[in-house]
Amino acid sequence: MEMPIFAKFAKKYFEESEKDLERAIRAFNVNDYSQAVFYAQQ
C-alpha cells in the first residue's frame, strides 16, 4: 500500500531536519555561530 501524501511530506520534512541539524553541528564545531543558529532554526 502506498503512503498517504501527508505521511510522505512528514517523512521528507523529518529527513531534511536531520540534515539541518548535522549542518548546525558542523557550523557550531568550527565556531560559525551565525550559521549554526540559522540551520538550527530551519
Protein backbone atom coordinates (compact mmCIF):
# COMPACT_ATOMS: atom_id res chain seq x y z
CA MET A 1 0.00 0.00 0.00
CA GLU A 2 1.28 3.45 -0.89
CA MET A 3 1.91 6.04 1.82
CA PRO A 4 -0.60 8.88 2.06
CA ILE A 5 0.67 12.23 0.79
CA PHE A 6 0.82 13.71 4.30
CA ALA A 7 2.95 10.82 5.56
CA LYS A 8 5.33 11.30 2.61
CA PHE A 9 5.56 15.01 3.40
CA ALA A 10 6.22 14.33 7.10
CA LYS A 11 8.94 11.79 6.27
CA LYS A 12 10.66 14.17 3.87
CA TYR A 13 10.37 17.06 6.36
CA PHE A 14 11.96 14.92 9.09
CA GLU A 15 14.81 13.80 6.81
CA GLU A 16 15.55 17.41 5.88
CA SER A 17 15.51 18.48 9.53
CA GLU A 18 18.11 15.79 10.30
CA LYS A 19 20.34 17.27 7.59
CA ASP A 20 19.84 20.78 9.03
CA LEU A 21 20.84 19.50 12.47
CA GLU A 22 24.03 17.98 11.04
CA ARG A 23 24.81 21.28 9.29
CA ALA A 24 24.20 23.22 12.50
CA ILE A 25 26.51 20.94 14.48
CA ARG A 26 29.26 21.26 11.86
CA ALA A 27 28.94 25.05 11.85
CA PHE A 28 28.98 25.15 15.66
CA ASN A 29 32.11 22.98 15.77
CA VAL A 30 34.01 25.49 13.61
CA ASN A 31 32.75 28.44 15.70
CA ASP A 32 30.47 29.75 12.95
CA TYR A 33 27.71 30.62 15.37
CA SER A 34 25.54 32.64 12.99
CA GLN A 35 25.37 29.70 10.55
CA ALA A 36 24.75 27.29 13.43
CA VAL A 37 21.78 29.36 14.59
CA PHE A 38 20.49 29.67 11.02
CA TYR A 39 20.49 25.91 10.47
CA ALA A 40 19.13 25.21 13.95
CA GLN A 41 16.12 27.41 13.20
CA GLN A 42 15.34 25.80 9.85
